[in-house]
Amino acid sequence: TNWLGALDYLLPGWTVWPGVVVFALGLLLRLRAQIDLGRAWSPTVELSARHRLVTEGIYTRIRHPLYASLILWAIAQPVLLQNLAAGWLGPLAVALIWLIRVPAEERMMRERFGDEYIRYAEQTGMVIPRPRKQAA
């Protein structure tokens, strides 16, 4: 169907490759995060009695790598899907997910893991790795 054709835009051809790279980095980051989380991964905001605070792997640097992967996808999508609706609804959805779910997850983690999570959060970035502090 061409009913969204009026919303198409055209970027220079070379922009597709950076879009593909950013999208692929998002896929790899998501895969790594899910591997590091193992059985603790859940599609909903929840913790079970068996959950522990995961601070290994990618989680040593950032505490929300799954959302970081979504942000990378949201950056790539308007480049790869050159249509105002198809290209920009994904980033809008990611923004809504960020505004709703991340505060809920941060609150849940602080309530469940207390000071351990607070110390962990001080040492890591949310979606961008925080520079490591040099040992004295």
Protein backbone atom coordinates (compact mmCIF):
# COMPACT_ATOMS: atom_id res chain seq x y z
CA THR A 1 0.00 0.00 0.00
CA ASN A 2 1.11 3.53 -0.63
CA TRP A 3 -1.18 5.34 1.81
CA LEU A 4 1.84 6.56 3.83
CA GLY A 5 3.75 7.57 0.71
CA ALA A 6 2.97 11.25 1.24
CA LEU A 7 5.04 11.07 4.44
CA ASP A 8 8.18 9.75 2.74
CA TYR A 9 11.41 11.72 2.80
CA LEU A 10 14.72 10.98 1.16
CA LEU A 11 18.10 11.11 2.84
CA PRO A 12 21.39 10.78 0.97
CA GLY A 13 22.18 7.15 0.18
CA TRP A 14 25.32 7.09 2.30
CA THR A 15 23.26 7.65 5.48
CA VAL A 16 21.92 4.10 5.32
CA TRP A 17 25.28 2.59 6.33
CA PRO A 18 25.66 4.57 9.58
CA GLY A 19 22.01 3.70 10.28
CA VAL A 20 22.74 0.00 9.78
CA VAL A 21 25.81 0.21 12.05
CA VAL A 22 23.89 1.99 14.83
CA PHE A 23 21.02 -0.52 14.54
CA ALA A 24 23.47 -3.47 14.62
CA LEU A 25 25.19 -2.02 17.70
CA GLY A 26 21.78 -1.86 19.35
CA LEU A 27 21.15 -5.52 18.52
CA LEU A 28 24.54 -6.56 19.90
CA LEU A 29 24.05 -4.51 23.06
CA ARG A 30 20.62 -6.08 23.60
CA LEU A 31 21.99 -9.57 23.10
CA ARG A 32 24.84 -8.94 25.53
CA ALA A 33 22.49 -7.48 28.13
CA GLN A 34 20.08 -10.41 27.91
CA ILE A 35 22.95 -12.90 28.17
CA ASP A 36 24.33 -11.08 31.22
CA LEU A 37 20.89 -10.93 32.84
CA GLY A 38 20.20 -14.60 32.19
CA ARG A 39 17.10 -15.78 34.01
CA ALA A 40 16.63 -12.36 35.65
CA TRP A 41 15.36 -10.88 32.37
CA SER A 42 11.65 -10.18 32.19
CA PRO A 43 9.53 -8.25 29.67
CA THR A 44 7.64 -6.63 32.55
CA VAL A 45 8.76 -4.48 35.48
CA GLU A 46 8.96 -7.13 38.16
CA LEU A 47 11.28 -8.87 40.57
CA SER A 48 10.89 -12.33 41.97
CA ALA A 49 12.32 -13.81 45.13
CA ARG A 50 15.12 -15.44 43.10
CA HIS A 51 16.32 -12.18 41.52
CA ARG A 52 19.65 -10.74 42.52
CA LEU A 53 21.26 -7.45 41.54
CA VAL A 54 23.18 -8.10 38.31
CA THR A 55 26.38 -6.03 38.17
CA GLU A 56 28.52 -8.20 35.89
CA GLY A 57 29.24 -7.99 32.17
CA ILE A 58 27.77 -4.94 30.46
CA TYR A 59 26.10 -4.09 33.78
CA THR A 60 29.48 -3.12 35.26
CA ARG A 61 29.33 0.04 33.11
CA ILE A 62 25.65 0.85 32.52
CA ARG A 63 22.56 -0.17 34.43
CA HIS A 64 20.02 0.04 31.60
CA PRO A 65 21.68 -1.51 28.53
CA LEU A 66 18.36 -2.85 27.23
CA TYR A 67 17.03 0.70 27.10
CA ALA A 68 20.32 1.88 25.61
CA SER A 69 19.75 -0.64 22.82
CA LEU A 70 16.27 0.78 22.24
CA ILE A 71 17.72 4.28 22.06
CA LEU A 72 20.20 3.11 19.41
CA TRP A 73 17.33 1.59 17.44
CA ALA A 74 15.38 4.84 17.81
CA ILE A 75 18.34 6.76 16.38
CA ALA A 76 18.66 4.36 13.43
CA GLN A 77 14.97 3.98 12.61
CA PRO A 78 14.36 7.42 11.01
CA VAL A 79 17.44 6.87 8.84
CA LEU A 80 16.46 3.36 7.77
CA LEU A 81 12.69 3.92 7.46
CA GLN A 82 12.54 7.22 5.63
CA ASN A 83 8.92 7.97 6.38
CA LEU A 84 7.60 10.43 8.95
CA ALA A 85 5.18 7.87 10.40
CA ALA A 86 7.21 4.65 10.18
CA GLY A 87 10.52 6.35 10.91
CA TRP A 88 9.50 8.51 13.82
CA LEU A 89 6.84 6.51 15.68
CA GLY A 90 9.53 4.14 16.99
CA PRO A 91 11.56 6.93 18.60
CA LEU A 92 8.35 8.34 20.07
CA ALA A 93 7.52 4.93 21.57
CA VAL A 94 11.05 4.63 23.01
CA ALA A 95 10.70 8.08 24.59
CA LEU A 96 7.42 7.04 26.22
CA ILE A 97 8.94 3.78 27.44
CA TRP A 98 11.85 5.75 28.91
CA LEU A 99 9.59 8.23 30.68
CA ILE A 100 7.29 5.56 32.13
CA ARG A 101 9.33 2.41 32.74
CA VAL A 102 12.77 3.65 33.74
CA PRO A 103 11.58 5.66 36.78
CA ALA A 104 9.45 2.67 37.84
CA GLU A 105 12.39 0.28 37.49
CA GLU A 106 14.78 2.60 39.33
CA ARG A 107 12.28 2.93 42.19
CA MET A 108 11.69 -0.84 42.30
CA MET A 109 15.42 -1.57 42.37
CA ARG A 110 16.06 0.97 45.16
CA GLU A 111 13.20 -0.50 47.20
CA ARG A 112 14.36 -4.09 46.70
CA PHE A 113 18.15 -3.73 46.91
CA GLY A 114 18.46 -0.54 48.99
CA ASP A 115 21.97 0.77 49.61
CA GLU A 116 23.50 -1.90 47.37
CA TYR A 117 21.58 -0.47 44.39
CA ILE A 118 22.28 3.13 45.38
CA ARG A 119 26.05 2.41 45.45
CA TYR A 120 25.78 0.57 42.13
CA ALA A 121 23.86 3.49 40.57
CA GLU A 122 26.56 5.92 41.76
CA GLN A 123 29.21 3.88 39.92
CA THR A 124 27.37 3.34 36.62
CA GLY A 125 25.69 5.44 34.00
CA MET A 126 22.05 4.89 33.14
CA VAL A 127 22.59 4.29 29.39
CA ILE A 128 25.99 5.87 28.75
CA PRO A 129 28.99 4.31 30.51
CA ARG A 130 30.29 6.48 33.32
CA PRO A 131 34.07 6.99 33.28
CA ARG A 132 35.76 4.68 35.73
CA LYS A 133 37.31 6.29 38.77
CA GLN A 134 41.05 5.85 39.06
CA ALA A 135 42.24 3.95 42.12
CA ALA A 136 44.15 6.16 44.56
